[in-house]
N, C-alpha and C. Protein backbone atom coordinates (compact mmCIF):
# COMPACT_ATOMS: atom_id res chain seq x y z
N MET A 1 -1.51 -24.80 10.53
CA MET A 1 -1.45 -24.51 8.78
C MET A 1 -2.53 -23.54 8.66
N ARG A 2 -3.47 -23.94 8.50
CA ARG A 2 -5.04 -22.92 8.49
C ARG A 2 -4.50 -21.75 9.11
N VAL A 3 -3.86 -21.72 10.55
CA VAL A 3 -4.03 -20.56 11.33
C VAL A 3 -2.07 -20.17 10.51
N PHE A 4 -1.62 -20.67 10.16
CA PHE A 4 -0.23 -20.32 9.64
C PHE A 4 -0.61 -19.48 8.39
N ASP A 5 -1.68 -19.98 8.07
CA ASP A 5 -1.88 -19.53 5.87
C ASP A 5 -2.91 -18.29 6.09
N ARG A 6 -3.58 -18.39 7.15
CA ARG A 6 -4.60 -17.14 7.34
C ARG A 6 -3.65 -15.95 7.96
N VAL A 7 -2.37 -15.56 8.94
CA VAL A 7 -1.68 -15.16 9.47
C VAL A 7 -1.32 -14.41 7.57
N SER A 8 -0.60 -15.65 7.06
CA SER A 8 0.27 -14.64 6.09
C SER A 8 -0.26 -13.96 5.02
N ARG A 9 -1.56 -14.17 4.57
CA ARG A 9 -2.66 -14.04 4.07
C ARG A 9 -3.02 -12.21 4.50
N LEU A 10 -3.41 -12.28 5.86
CA LEU A 10 -3.52 -11.14 6.57
C LEU A 10 -2.23 -9.77 6.53
N LEU A 11 -1.30 -10.38 6.12
CA LEU A 11 0.00 -9.71 6.24
C LEU A 11 -0.05 -9.56 5.00
N GLY A 12 -0.52 -9.00 4.13
CA GLY A 12 -0.78 -8.90 3.27
C GLY A 12 0.89 -8.62 1.97
N GLY A 13 0.72 -7.46 1.19
CA GLY A 13 1.70 -7.14 0.74
C GLY A 13 2.98 -8.05 0.06
N ASP A 14 3.79 -7.65 -0.41
CA ASP A 14 4.78 -8.45 -0.68
C ASP A 14 5.47 -9.41 0.33
N PRO A 15 5.42 -10.99 -0.28
CA PRO A 15 6.42 -11.77 1.24
C PRO A 15 7.72 -11.64 0.65
N ALA A 16 8.31 -10.76 -0.15
CA ALA A 16 9.65 -11.19 -0.38
C ALA A 16 9.94 -9.54 0.43
N ASP A 17 9.56 -8.91 1.57
CA ASP A 17 9.49 -8.42 2.83
C ASP A 17 9.53 -8.78 4.10
N ARG A 18 8.90 -10.09 4.01
CA ARG A 18 9.36 -10.55 5.35
C ARG A 18 9.90 -11.99 4.91
N THR A 19 10.13 -12.68 6.39
CA THR A 19 11.15 -14.47 6.31
C THR A 19 10.14 -14.72 8.08
N VAL A 20 9.84 -15.82 6.97
CA VAL A 20 9.47 -17.14 8.12
C VAL A 20 10.83 -17.89 8.81
N ALA A 21 10.65 -18.36 9.46
CA ALA A 21 12.00 -18.78 10.37
C ALA A 21 11.29 -20.22 10.79
N VAL A 22 11.17 -21.50 10.69
CA VAL A 22 10.27 -22.23 11.80
C VAL A 22 11.37 -23.03 12.36
N GLY A 23 10.48 -22.52 14.14
CA GLY A 23 11.86 -23.67 15.09
C GLY A 23 11.43 -24.71 14.91
N ARG A 24 11.49 -25.50 16.48
CA ARG A 24 11.03 -26.44 17.31
C ARG A 24 9.75 -25.99 17.84
N SER A 25 10.18 -24.79 18.44
CA SER A 25 8.61 -24.12 19.49
C SER A 25 8.14 -22.83 18.63
N GLN A 26 7.99 -22.20 17.71
CA GLN A 26 7.37 -21.32 16.92
C GLN A 26 7.31 -21.52 15.24
N VAL A 27 6.92 -20.84 15.55
CA VAL A 27 7.21 -20.31 13.59
C VAL A 27 7.16 -18.29 14.07
N ALA A 28 8.01 -17.89 13.31
CA ALA A 28 8.52 -16.91 13.96
C ALA A 28 8.36 -16.19 12.28
N PHE A 29 7.53 -14.61 12.22
CA PHE A 29 7.40 -13.83 10.58
C PHE A 29 8.17 -12.66 11.23
N ARG A 30 9.40 -12.51 10.43
CA ARG A 30 10.49 -11.44 10.71
C ARG A 30 10.34 -10.23 9.68
N ALA A 31 10.49 -9.24 9.66
CA ALA A 31 11.05 -7.91 9.21
C ALA A 31 11.48 -8.13 8.02
N GLY A 32 11.72 -8.01 6.63
CA GLY A 32 12.92 -7.65 6.00
C GLY A 32 13.77 -8.76 5.33
N PRO A 33 14.13 -9.06 4.95
CA PRO A 33 15.75 -10.39 4.08
C PRO A 33 16.53 -10.26 5.04
N GLY A 34 16.43 -11.39 5.54
CA GLY A 34 17.83 -12.18 6.66
C GLY A 34 17.05 -13.03 7.68
N ARG A 35 17.97 -12.24 9.16
CA ARG A 35 16.43 -13.15 10.03
C ARG A 35 15.44 -11.52 10.50
N GLY A 36 15.75 -10.55 10.20
CA GLY A 36 15.30 -9.46 10.54
C GLY A 36 14.81 -9.22 11.84
N ARG A 37 13.74 -8.52 11.92
CA ARG A 37 13.08 -8.38 13.31
C ARG A 37 11.66 -9.10 13.99
N GLY A 38 11.33 -9.91 14.27
CA GLY A 38 10.09 -10.97 14.64
C GLY A 38 9.31 -9.78 15.07
N PHE A 39 8.20 -10.40 14.10
CA PHE A 39 6.91 -8.78 14.63
C PHE A 39 5.75 -9.87 15.28
N ALA A 40 5.50 -11.48 14.82
CA ALA A 40 4.40 -11.90 14.76
C ALA A 40 4.84 -13.36 15.58
N PHE A 41 4.23 -13.50 16.29
CA PHE A 41 4.74 -15.37 16.63
C PHE A 41 4.16 -16.46 16.68
N LEU A 42 4.19 -17.84 16.29
CA LEU A 42 3.08 -18.65 16.48
C LEU A 42 3.26 -19.67 17.48
N TRP A 43 3.12 -20.04 18.06
CA TRP A 43 4.18 -21.21 19.24
C TRP A 43 2.14 -22.57 19.83
N LEU A 44 2.65 -23.02 20.11
CA LEU A 44 1.48 -24.64 21.00
C LEU A 44 1.74 -24.10 22.46
N PRO A 45 0.55 -23.25 23.25
CA PRO A 45 1.43 -23.50 24.30
C PRO A 45 0.74 -25.22 24.96
N GLY A 46 0.30 -25.78 24.66
CA GLY A 46 0.12 -27.28 24.65
C GLY A 46 1.52 -27.67 25.40
N ARG A 47 2.94 -27.07 24.92
CA ARG A 47 4.16 -27.74 24.99
C ARG A 47 4.72 -27.08 26.07
N TYR A 48 4.04 -26.09 26.45
CA TYR A 48 4.17 -25.04 28.34
C TYR A 48 3.57 -24.72 29.13
N LEU A 49 2.03 -25.45 28.26
CA LEU A 49 0.85 -25.15 29.78
C LEU A 49 0.46 -26.60 29.90
N ARG A 50 0.05 -26.89 31.25
CA ARG A 50 -0.97 -27.98 31.52
C ARG A 50 -2.18 -28.15 31.04
N ARG A 51 -2.35 -27.29 30.82
CA ARG A 51 -4.04 -27.19 30.05
C ARG A 51 -4.54 -25.74 29.49
N PRO A 52 -3.73 -25.34 27.73
CA PRO A 52 -4.40 -24.69 27.46
C PRO A 52 -5.62 -24.34 26.83
N ASP A 53 -6.12 -22.64 27.20
CA ASP A 53 -7.00 -22.56 26.90
C ASP A 53 -7.07 -23.14 25.39
N ALA A 54 -6.24 -22.97 24.21
CA ALA A 54 -6.73 -22.70 22.96
C ALA A 54 -5.49 -23.22 22.34
N GLU A 55 -5.36 -24.03 21.01
CA GLU A 55 -4.45 -24.76 20.63
C GLU A 55 -3.03 -23.32 19.79
N VAL A 56 -3.67 -22.84 19.28
CA VAL A 56 -2.32 -21.47 19.16
C VAL A 56 -2.48 -20.63 19.75
N VAL A 57 -1.79 -19.76 19.71
CA VAL A 57 -1.39 -18.66 20.51
C VAL A 57 -0.59 -17.80 19.75
N LEU A 58 -1.06 -16.51 18.54
CA LEU A 58 -0.40 -15.49 17.92
C LEU A 58 0.14 -14.74 19.19
N SER A 59 1.43 -14.17 19.50
CA SER A 59 1.75 -12.94 19.42
C SER A 59 2.45 -12.09 18.82
N ILE A 60 2.21 -11.10 18.98
CA ILE A 60 2.25 -9.69 18.05
C ILE A 60 3.52 -8.43 19.23
N ALA A 61 4.68 -8.11 18.44
CA ALA A 61 5.16 -7.25 19.08
C ALA A 61 4.80 -5.85 18.63
N LEU A 62 4.06 -4.98 19.41
CA LEU A 62 3.57 -3.69 19.23
C LEU A 62 4.14 -2.75 19.44
N PRO A 63 4.46 -1.96 19.15
CA PRO A 63 5.13 -0.24 19.95
C PRO A 63 4.41 0.60 21.02
N ARG A 64 3.32 -1.20 20.76
CA ARG A 64 2.73 0.29 21.93
C ARG A 64 1.26 -0.78 22.73
N PRO A 65 1.36 -0.41 23.89
CA PRO A 65 0.82 -1.12 24.55
C PRO A 65 -1.63 -0.72 23.39
N VAL A 66 -1.52 -2.37 23.62
CA VAL A 66 -3.50 -2.77 23.32
C VAL A 66 -4.33 -2.42 23.97
N ARG A 67 -5.66 -2.46 23.92
CA ARG A 67 -6.19 -2.45 25.38
C ARG A 67 -7.31 -3.15 24.61
N SER A 68 -7.04 -3.84 24.78
CA SER A 68 -7.98 -5.01 23.71
C SER A 68 -8.85 -6.23 25.12
N ALA A 69 -9.76 -6.63 25.56
CA ALA A 69 -10.56 -8.13 25.06
C ALA A 69 -10.19 -9.44 25.41
N ARG A 70 -9.58 -9.26 23.71
CA ARG A 70 -9.03 -10.17 22.95
C ARG A 70 -7.58 -11.06 23.57
N PHE A 71 -6.86 -9.82 24.23
CA PHE A 71 -5.62 -10.67 24.41
C PHE A 71 -5.58 -10.74 25.53
N LYS A 72 -4.70 -12.85 25.58
CA LYS A 72 -4.90 -13.15 26.73
C LYS A 72 -4.13 -12.35 28.01
N GLU A 73 -3.08 -12.53 27.20
CA GLU A 73 -1.99 -10.80 28.49
C GLU A 73 -0.93 -10.33 27.67
N VAL A 74 -1.14 -9.01 27.70
CA VAL A 74 0.05 -8.21 27.06
C VAL A 74 1.74 -7.75 28.20
N ALA A 75 2.67 -8.98 27.43
CA ALA A 75 3.73 -8.06 28.22
C ALA A 75 4.22 -7.07 28.38
N HIS A 76 5.67 -6.98 28.68
CA HIS A 76 6.10 -5.55 28.38
C HIS A 76 7.77 -5.75 28.31
N PRO A 77 8.03 -6.52 27.69
CA PRO A 77 9.36 -7.53 27.41
C PRO A 77 11.20 -6.08 27.31
N ALA A 78 10.68 -5.13 26.62
CA ALA A 78 11.57 -4.44 26.39
C ALA A 78 11.42 -3.38 25.84
N PRO A 79 12.08 -2.10 26.16
CA PRO A 79 11.80 -0.65 26.33
C PRO A 79 10.20 -0.37 25.10
N HIS A 80 10.89 -0.48 23.83
CA HIS A 80 10.27 -0.17 22.61
C HIS A 80 9.40 -1.83 22.25
N VAL A 81 8.83 -2.52 23.31
CA VAL A 81 8.53 -3.45 22.11
C VAL A 81 7.09 -4.29 23.38
N TRP A 82 5.91 -4.17 23.05
CA TRP A 82 5.32 -4.23 24.28
C TRP A 82 4.08 -5.85 23.02
N MET A 83 3.97 -6.99 23.77
CA MET A 83 4.65 -8.34 23.18
C MET A 83 2.44 -8.67 23.32
N HIS A 84 1.91 -8.56 22.45
CA HIS A 84 0.16 -8.89 23.42
C HIS A 84 0.19 -10.79 22.28
N HIS A 85 -0.29 -11.14 23.39
CA HIS A 85 -0.89 -12.47 23.10
C HIS A 85 -2.31 -13.23 22.66
N LEU A 86 -2.95 -13.81 21.85
CA LEU A 86 -3.92 -13.84 21.63
C LEU A 86 -4.21 -15.29 21.19
N GLU A 87 -4.89 -16.02 21.72
CA GLU A 87 -5.11 -17.27 21.80
C GLU A 87 -6.35 -17.19 20.68
N VAL A 88 -5.77 -18.35 19.52
CA VAL A 88 -6.93 -18.60 17.99
C VAL A 88 -7.31 -20.21 18.27
N ARG A 89 -8.49 -20.48 18.72
CA ARG A 89 -9.65 -21.32 18.22
C ARG A 89 -9.42 -21.89 17.48
N ASP A 90 -9.71 -20.50 16.02
CA ASP A 90 -10.39 -21.11 15.08
C ASP A 90 -9.34 -19.70 13.79
N ALA A 91 -9.30 -20.30 13.02
CA ALA A 91 -9.11 -19.81 11.78
C ALA A 91 -9.21 -18.30 11.65
N ALA A 92 -10.62 -17.94 12.01
CA ALA A 92 -12.28 -17.02 11.35
C ALA A 92 -11.53 -15.99 12.73
N ASP A 93 -10.68 -16.47 13.99
CA ASP A 93 -10.48 -15.17 14.98
C ASP A 93 -9.45 -14.42 13.81
N LEU A 94 -9.40 -14.64 13.47
CA LEU A 94 -7.57 -14.23 12.94
C LEU A 94 -8.43 -12.44 11.49
N ASP A 95 -9.56 -12.18 12.04
CA ASP A 95 -9.96 -10.86 11.40
C ASP A 95 -9.44 -9.45 11.19
N ALA A 96 -10.35 -8.85 10.55
CA ALA A 96 -8.98 -7.37 10.07
C ALA A 96 -9.14 -5.81 11.38
N GLU A 97 -9.22 -6.75 12.42
CA GLU A 97 -8.85 -6.10 13.50
C GLU A 97 -7.62 -7.22 13.65
N VAL A 98 -7.47 -8.08 13.49
CA VAL A 98 -5.81 -8.85 14.14
C VAL A 98 -5.20 -8.34 12.71
N ALA A 99 -5.41 -8.27 11.04
CA ALA A 99 -4.99 -7.92 10.41
C ALA A 99 -4.50 -5.98 10.27
N GLY A 100 -4.87 -5.57 11.00
CA GLY A 100 -4.21 -4.44 11.23
C GLY A 100 -2.95 -4.20 12.71
N TRP A 101 -3.35 -5.25 13.52
CA TRP A 101 -2.01 -5.26 14.65
C TRP A 101 -1.05 -5.78 13.79
N LEU A 102 -1.38 -7.09 12.90
CA LEU A 102 -0.32 -7.79 12.22
C LEU A 102 0.72 -6.47 11.59
N ARG A 103 0.24 -5.72 10.69
CA ARG A 103 1.00 -4.78 10.13
C ARG A 103 0.94 -4.29 10.04
N GLU A 104 1.05 -2.69 11.37
CA GLU A 104 1.35 -2.37 12.10
C GLU A 104 2.39 -3.05 12.81
N ALA A 105 2.50 -3.97 13.32
CA ALA A 105 3.63 -4.38 14.02
C ALA A 105 4.79 -4.73 12.80
N ALA A 106 4.63 -5.19 11.03
CA ALA A 106 5.35 -5.45 10.58
C ALA A 106 5.97 -4.18 10.36
N GLY A 107 5.20 -2.87 10.81
CA GLY A 107 5.45 -2.05 9.80
C GLY A 107 7.15 -1.69 10.77
N HIS A 108 6.65 -1.83 12.20
CA HIS A 108 7.22 -0.86 13.51
C HIS A 108 8.82 -1.88 13.21
N ALA A 109 8.54 -3.07 12.69
CA ALA A 109 10.41 -4.51 12.91
C ALA A 109 11.00 -3.56 11.99
N ALA A 110 10.02 -3.21 10.69
CA ALA A 110 10.89 -3.17 9.80
C ALA A 110 11.58 -1.60 9.21
N ARG A 111 11.15 -0.74 10.32
CA ARG A 111 11.95 1.14 11.05
C ARG A 111 13.62 0.31 11.11
N PRO A 112 13.94 0.62 10.99
CA PRO A 112 15.80 1.08 11.02
C PRO A 112 14.96 1.40 12.56
N ARG A 113 16.79 0.87 13.19
CA ARG A 113 16.80 1.12 14.68
C ARG A 113 17.27 2.78 15.07
């Protein structure tokens, strides 16, 4: 819960500009009202991996690849989406650099297609 609260605080702005969808396997932050486009996801790697390195992963959908040693993996699942997987060991791992990535992802997801 501390990680979720920290991500919410880092996003700042008006919470009405985004929705949070809680599923069985992840929590999705979506831009705009209604279903919106997902831009950040919290999930538990222990549900999928035998020996995870962290209890929580924050996946951030950006329109470009970011080269940072902080990301465990960067995937390119769609033409305009690069998914960046950040292992979170403590809420303190979510700092100003992560806040910038989250805000960029939210801004990109809020743009009309």
